Amino acid sequence: MDQLNQALVALPATVRQRRRKDIFDVVLSKLPDEFPRIDATAVAKSTAHAALASAVENLLENT
């Protein structure tokens, strides 16, 4: 999360919030609609974690 925050802060303010939203939309789409009220399976959690890691890596490569 620290890397994500640092990369987002490095972006122009005009795109920062949109990029953050796009990243978390992708990550949260891997989890149940009512997460965290309804727990996710281990596979869903792992998939969401991988999506976040990929998004952070992509952001770091392109900033």
PDB file of N, CA and C in Angstrom:
ATOM      1  N   MET A   1       0.825  -1.188   0.000  1.00  0.00           N
ATOM      2  CA  MET A   1       0.000   0.000   0.000  1.00  0.00           C
ATOM      3  C   MET A   1       0.868   1.250   0.000  1.00  0.00           C
ATOM      4  N   ASP A   2       2.014   1.184   0.658  1.00  0.00           N
ATOM      5  CA  ASP A   2       2.903   2.345   0.662  1.00  0.00           C
ATOM      6  C   ASP A   2       3.358   2.687  -0.756  1.00  0.00           C
ATOM      7  N   GLN A   3       3.707   1.653  -1.525  1.00  0.00           N
ATOM      8  CA  GLN A   3       4.136   1.894  -2.905  1.00  0.00           C
ATOM      9  C   GLN A   3       3.003   2.496  -3.724  1.00  0.00           C
ATOM     10  N   LEU A   4       1.801   1.997  -3.518  1.00  0.00           N
ATOM     11  CA  LEU A   4       0.644   2.525  -4.241  1.00  0.00           C
ATOM     12  C   LEU A   4       0.443   3.991  -3.901  1.00  0.00           C
ATOM     13  N   ASN A   5       0.462   4.315  -2.627  1.00  0.00           N
ATOM     14  CA  ASN A   5       0.261   5.706  -2.215  1.00  0.00           C
ATOM     15  C   ASN A   5       1.351   6.621  -2.755  1.00  0.00           C
ATOM     16  N   GLN A   6       2.595   6.165  -2.713  1.00  0.00           N
ATOM     17  CA  GLN A   6       3.693   6.980  -3.238  1.00  0.00           C
ATOM     18  C   GLN A   6       3.536   7.217  -4.734  1.00  0.00           C
ATOM     19  N   ALA A   7       3.157   6.172  -5.458  1.00  0.00           N
ATOM     20  CA  ALA A   7       2.981   6.312  -6.905  1.00  0.00           C
ATOM     21  C   ALA A   7       1.809   7.230  -7.226  1.00  0.00           C
ATOM     22  N   LEU A   8       0.736   7.124  -6.466  1.00  0.00           N
ATOM     23  CA  LEU A   8      -0.418   7.986  -6.706  1.00  0.00           C
ATOM     24  C   LEU A   8      -0.089   9.445  -6.410  1.00  0.00           C
ATOM     25  N   VAL A   9       0.654   9.694  -5.352  1.00  0.00           N
ATOM     26  CA  VAL A   9       1.026  11.069  -5.000  1.00  0.00           C
ATOM     27  C   VAL A   9       1.913  11.678  -6.085  1.00  0.00           C
ATOM     28  N   ALA A  10       2.675  10.840  -6.765  1.00  0.00           N
ATOM     29  CA  ALA A  10       3.550  11.336  -7.830  1.00  0.00           C
ATOM     30  C   ALA A  10       2.774  11.752  -9.080  1.00  0.00           C
ATOM     31  N   LEU A  11       1.526  11.309  -9.181  1.00  0.00           N
ATOM     32  CA  LEU A  11       0.703  11.673 -10.337  1.00  0.00           C
ATOM     33  C   LEU A  11       0.182  13.097 -10.201  1.00  0.00           C
ATOM     34  N   PRO A  12      -0.136  13.727 -11.312  1.00  0.00           N
ATOM     35  CA  PRO A  12      -0.785  15.040 -11.236  1.00  0.00           C
ATOM     36  C   PRO A  12      -2.115  14.916 -10.487  1.00  0.00           C
ATOM     37  N   ALA A  13      -2.424  15.911  -9.718  1.00  0.00           N
ATOM     38  CA  ALA A  13      -3.649  15.891  -8.911  1.00  0.00           C
ATOM     39  C   ALA A  13      -4.893  15.686  -9.763  1.00  0.00           C
ATOM     40  N   THR A  14      -4.840  16.113 -11.007  1.00  0.00           N
ATOM     41  CA  THR A  14      -6.011  16.014 -11.878  1.00  0.00           C
ATOM     42  C   THR A  14      -6.358  14.578 -12.256  1.00  0.00           C
ATOM     43  N   VAL A  15      -5.408  13.656 -12.143  1.00  0.00           N
ATOM     44  CA  VAL A  15      -5.678  12.256 -12.504  1.00  0.00           C
ATOM     45  C   VAL A  15      -5.589  11.296 -11.327  1.00  0.00           C
ATOM     46  N   ARG A  16      -5.067  11.762 -10.221  1.00  0.00           N
ATOM     47  CA  ARG A  16      -4.795  10.900  -9.064  1.00  0.00           C
ATOM     48  C   ARG A  16      -6.037  10.172  -8.554  1.00  0.00           C
ATOM     49  N   GLN A  17      -7.107  10.904  -8.285  1.00  0.00           N
ATOM     50  CA  GLN A  17      -8.306  10.293  -7.709  1.00  0.00           C
ATOM     51  C   GLN A  17      -8.937   9.300  -8.675  1.00  0.00           C
ATOM     52  N   ARG A  18      -8.954   9.646  -9.958  1.00  0.00           N
ATOM     53  CA  ARG A  18      -9.529   8.739 -10.961  1.00  0.00           C
ATOM     54  C   ARG A  18      -8.731   7.442 -11.038  1.00  0.00           C
ATOM     55  N   ARG A  19      -7.414   7.562 -11.011  1.00  0.00           N
ATOM     56  CA  ARG A  19      -6.557   6.364 -11.090  1.00  0.00           C
ATOM     57  C   ARG A  19      -6.761   5.480  -9.867  1.00  0.00           C
ATOM     58  N   ARG A  20      -6.840   6.087  -8.685  1.00  0.00           N
ATOM     59  CA  ARG A  20      -7.084   5.334  -7.449  1.00  0.00           C
ATOM     60  C   ARG A  20      -8.414   4.584  -7.561  1.00  0.00           C
ATOM     61  N   LYS A  21      -9.453   5.261  -8.026  1.00  0.00           N
ATOM     62  CA  LYS A  21     -10.769   4.644  -8.174  1.00  0.00           C
ATOM     63  C   LYS A  21     -10.709   3.483  -9.157  1.00  0.00           C
ATOM     64  N   ASP A  22     -10.048   3.683 -10.280  1.00  0.00           N
ATOM     65  CA  ASP A  22      -9.941   2.621 -11.283  1.00  0.00           C
ATOM     66  C   ASP A  22      -9.259   1.380 -10.707  1.00  0.00           C
ATOM     67  N   ILE A  23      -8.191   1.592  -9.956  1.00  0.00           N
ATOM     68  CA  ILE A  23      -7.458   0.473  -9.353  1.00  0.00           C
ATOM     69  C   ILE A  23      -8.347  -0.280  -8.376  1.00  0.00           C
ATOM     70  N   PHE A  24      -8.990   0.440  -7.475  1.00  0.00           N
ATOM     71  CA  PHE A  24      -9.800  -0.239  -6.470  1.00  0.00           C
ATOM     72  C   PHE A  24     -11.074  -0.834  -7.053  1.00  0.00           C
ATOM     73  N   ASP A  25     -11.597  -0.276  -8.130  1.00  0.00           N
ATOM     74  CA  ASP A  25     -12.738  -0.901  -8.814  1.00  0.00           C
ATOM     75  C   ASP A  25     -12.354  -2.288  -9.324  1.00  0.00           C
ATOM     76  N   VAL A  26     -11.172  -2.398  -9.910  1.00  0.00           N
ATOM     77  CA  VAL A  26     -10.703  -3.691 -10.417  1.00  0.00           C
ATOM     78  C   VAL A  26     -10.501  -4.671  -9.265  1.00  0.00           C
ATOM     79  N   VAL A  27      -9.841  -4.228  -8.220  1.00  0.00           N
ATOM     80  CA  VAL A  27      -9.562  -5.110  -7.083  1.00  0.00           C
ATOM     81  C   VAL A  27     -10.857  -5.565  -6.419  1.00  0.00           C
ATOM     82  N   LEU A  28     -11.748  -4.639  -6.153  1.00  0.00           N
ATOM     83  CA  LEU A  28     -12.997  -4.991  -5.471  1.00  0.00           C
ATOM     84  C   LEU A  28     -13.906  -5.852  -6.335  1.00  0.00           C
ATOM     85  N   SER A  29     -13.763  -5.776  -7.643  1.00  0.00           N
ATOM     86  CA  SER A  29     -14.584  -6.624  -8.521  1.00  0.00           C
ATOM     87  C   SER A  29     -14.235  -8.100  -8.363  1.00  0.00           C
ATOM     88  N   LYS A  30     -13.086  -8.386  -7.780  1.00  0.00           N
ATOM     89  CA  LYS A  30     -12.661  -9.771  -7.559  1.00  0.00           C
ATOM     90  C   LYS A  30     -13.258 -10.355  -6.279  1.00  0.00           C
ATOM     91  N   LEU A  31     -13.884  -9.516  -5.476  1.00  0.00           N
ATOM     92  CA  LEU A  31     -14.443  -9.927  -4.184  1.00  0.00           C
ATOM     93  C   LEU A  31     -15.966  -9.932  -4.249  1.00  0.00           C
ATOM     94  N   PRO A  32     -16.614 -10.634  -3.311  1.00  0.00           N
ATOM     95  CA  PRO A  32     -18.087 -10.642  -3.303  1.00  0.00           C
ATOM     96  C   PRO A  32     -18.647  -9.228  -3.192  1.00  0.00           C
ATOM     97  N   ASP A  33     -19.834  -9.024  -3.754  1.00  0.00           N
ATOM     98  CA  ASP A  33     -20.455  -7.696  -3.754  1.00  0.00           C
ATOM     99  C   ASP A  33     -20.586  -7.107  -2.355  1.00  0.00           C
ATOM    100  N   GLU A  34     -20.858  -7.927  -1.371  1.00  0.00           N
ATOM    101  CA  GLU A  34     -21.070  -7.416  -0.015  1.00  0.00           C
ATOM    102  C   GLU A  34     -19.853  -7.594   0.887  1.00  0.00           C
ATOM    103  N   PHE A  35     -18.688  -7.774   0.300  1.00  0.00           N
ATOM    104  CA  PHE A  35     -17.450  -7.850   1.070  1.00  0.00           C
ATOM    105  C   PHE A  35     -17.197  -6.502   1.719  1.00  0.00           C
ATOM    106  N   PRO A  36     -16.822  -6.416   2.960  1.00  0.00           N
ATOM    107  CA  PRO A  36     -16.355  -7.443   3.878  1.00  0.00           C
ATOM    108  C   PRO A  36     -17.455  -8.040   4.764  1.00  0.00           C
ATOM    109  N   ARG A  37     -18.688  -7.569   4.605  1.00  0.00           N
ATOM    110  CA  ARG A  37     -19.761  -8.154   5.412  1.00  0.00           C
ATOM    111  C   ARG A  37     -19.879  -9.650   5.148  1.00  0.00           C
ATOM    112  N   ILE A  38     -19.744 -10.033   3.894  1.00  0.00           N
ATOM    113  CA  ILE A  38     -19.695 -11.439   3.516  1.00  0.00           C
ATOM    114  C   ILE A  38     -18.246 -11.748   3.175  1.00  0.00           C
ATOM    115  N   ASP A  39     -17.686 -12.735   3.856  1.00  0.00           N
ATOM    116  CA  ASP A  39     -16.281 -13.066   3.653  1.00  0.00           C
ATOM    117  C   ASP A  39     -16.051 -13.629   2.254  1.00  0.00           C
ATOM    118  N   ALA A  40     -14.887 -13.371   1.732  1.00  0.00           N
ATOM    119  CA  ALA A  40     -14.503 -13.890   0.418  1.00  0.00           C
ATOM    120  C   ALA A  40     -13.795 -15.227   0.594  1.00  0.00           C
ATOM    121  N   THR A  41     -13.851 -16.034  -0.439  1.00  0.00           N
ATOM    122  CA  THR A  41     -13.106 -17.288  -0.421  1.00  0.00           C
ATOM    123  C   THR A  41     -11.615 -16.975  -0.491  1.00  0.00           C
ATOM    124  N   ALA A  42     -10.821 -17.962  -0.159  1.00  0.00           N
ATOM    125  CA  ALA A  42      -9.368 -17.790  -0.244  1.00  0.00           C
ATOM    126  C   ALA A  42      -8.950 -17.487  -1.683  1.00  0.00           C
ATOM    127  N   VAL A  43      -9.612 -18.130  -2.633  1.00  0.00           N
ATOM    128  CA  VAL A  43      -9.291 -17.893  -4.050  1.00  0.00           C
ATOM    129  C   VAL A  43      -9.617 -16.451  -4.434  1.00  0.00           C
ATOM    130  N   ALA A  44     -10.780 -15.955  -4.010  1.00  0.00           N
ATOM    131  CA  ALA A  44     -11.163 -14.575  -4.329  1.00  0.00           C
ATOM    132  C   ALA A  44     -10.195 -13.585  -3.693  1.00  0.00           C
ATOM    133  N   LYS A  45      -9.811 -13.836  -2.452  1.00  0.00           N
ATOM    134  CA  LYS A  45      -8.852 -12.950  -1.779  1.00  0.00           C
ATOM    135  C   LYS A  45      -7.514 -12.957  -2.505  1.00  0.00           C
ATOM    136  N   SER A  46      -7.074 -14.132  -2.899  1.00  0.00           N
ATOM    137  CA  SER A  46      -5.809 -14.251  -3.615  1.00  0.00           C
ATOM    138  C   SER A  46      -5.870 -13.547  -4.969  1.00  0.00           C
ATOM    139  N   THR A  47      -6.984 -13.696  -5.661  1.00  0.00           N
ATOM    140  CA  THR A  47      -7.166 -13.041  -6.956  1.00  0.00           C
ATOM    141  C   THR A  47      -7.179 -11.524  -6.798  1.00  0.00           C
ATOM    142  N   ALA A  48      -7.854 -11.035  -5.771  1.00  0.00           N
ATOM    143  CA  ALA A  48      -7.897  -9.593  -5.516  1.00  0.00           C
ATOM    144  C   ALA A  48      -6.506  -9.071  -5.167  1.00  0.00           C
ATOM    145  N   HIS A  49      -5.788  -9.825  -4.360  1.00  0.00           N
ATOM    146  CA  HIS A  49      -4.429  -9.425  -3.983  1.00  0.00           C
ATOM    147  C   HIS A  49      -3.530  -9.366  -5.215  1.00  0.00           C
ATOM    148  N   ALA A  50      -3.648 -10.354  -6.087  1.00  0.00           N
ATOM    149  CA  ALA A  50      -2.849 -10.367  -7.316  1.00  0.00           C
ATOM    150  C   ALA A  50      -3.218  -9.190  -8.218  1.00  0.00           C
ATOM    151  N   ALA A  51      -4.498  -8.857  -8.281  1.00  0.00           N
ATOM    152  CA  ALA A  51      -4.932  -7.710  -9.089  1.00  0.00           C
ATOM    153  C   ALA A  51      -4.351  -6.411  -8.540  1.00  0.00           C
ATOM    154  N   LEU A  52      -4.324  -6.282  -7.218  1.00  0.00           N
ATOM    155  CA  LEU A  52      -3.741  -5.088  -6.602  1.00  0.00           C
ATOM    156  C   LEU A  52      -2.244  -5.017  -6.886  1.00  0.00           C
ATOM    157  N   ALA A  53      -1.551  -6.135  -6.720  1.00  0.00           N
ATOM    158  CA  ALA A  53      -0.111  -6.159  -6.984  1.00  0.00           C
ATOM    159  C   ALA A  53       0.181  -5.794  -8.438  1.00  0.00           C
ATOM    160  N   SER A  54      -0.617  -6.313  -9.342  1.00  0.00           N
ATOM    161  CA  SER A  54      -0.437  -6.005 -10.760  1.00  0.00           C
ATOM    162  C   SER A  54      -0.691  -4.526 -11.045  1.00  0.00           C
ATOM    163  N   ALA A  55      -1.726  -3.980 -10.443  1.00  0.00           N
ATOM    164  CA  ALA A  55      -2.045  -2.563 -10.645  1.00  0.00           C
ATOM    165  C   ALA A  55      -0.937  -1.667 -10.099  1.00  0.00           C
ATOM    166  N   VAL A  56      -0.402  -2.019  -8.938  1.00  0.00           N
ATOM    167  CA  VAL A  56       0.690  -1.236  -8.352  1.00  0.00           C
ATOM    168  C   VAL A  56       1.918  -1.317  -9.251  1.00  0.00           C
ATOM    169  N   GLU A  57       2.244  -2.515  -9.705  1.00  0.00           N
ATOM    170  CA  GLU A  57       3.400  -2.683 -10.587  1.00  0.00           C
ATOM    171  C   GLU A  57       3.229  -1.868 -11.867  1.00  0.00           C
ATOM    172  N   ASN A  58       2.055  -1.926 -12.445  1.00  0.00           N
ATOM    173  CA  ASN A  58       1.771  -1.166 -13.662  1.00  0.00           C
ATOM    174  C   ASN A  58       1.892   0.333 -13.413  1.00  0.00           C
ATOM    175  N   LEU A  59       1.362   0.790 -12.304  1.00  0.00           N
ATOM    176  CA  LEU A  59       1.431   2.209 -11.965  1.00  0.00           C
ATOM    177  C   LEU A  59       2.878   2.652 -11.770  1.00  0.00           C
ATOM    178  N   LEU A  60       3.672   1.838 -11.076  1.00  0.00           N
ATOM    179  CA  LEU A  60       5.073   2.179 -10.840  1.00  0.00           C
ATOM    180  C   LEU A  60       5.866   2.220 -12.148  1.00  0.00           C
ATOM    181  N   GLU A  61       5.544   1.325 -13.063  1.00  0.00           N
ATOM    182  CA  GLU A  61       6.252   1.295 -14.347  1.00  0.00           C
ATOM    183  C   GLU A  61       5.907   2.497 -15.217  1.00  0.00           C
ATOM    184  N   ASN A  62       4.723   3.057 -15.007  1.00  0.00           N
ATOM    185  CA  ASN A  62       4.250   4.130 -15.885  1.00  0.00           C
ATOM    186  C   ASN A  62       4.244   5.506 -15.227  1.00  0.00           C
ATOM    187  N   THR A  63       4.949   5.657 -14.118  1.00  0.00           N
ATOM    188  CA  THR A  63       5.037   6.985 -13.494  1.00  0.00           C
ATOM    189  C   THR A  63       6.464   7.466 -13.505  1.00  0.00           C
TER     190      THR A  63
END
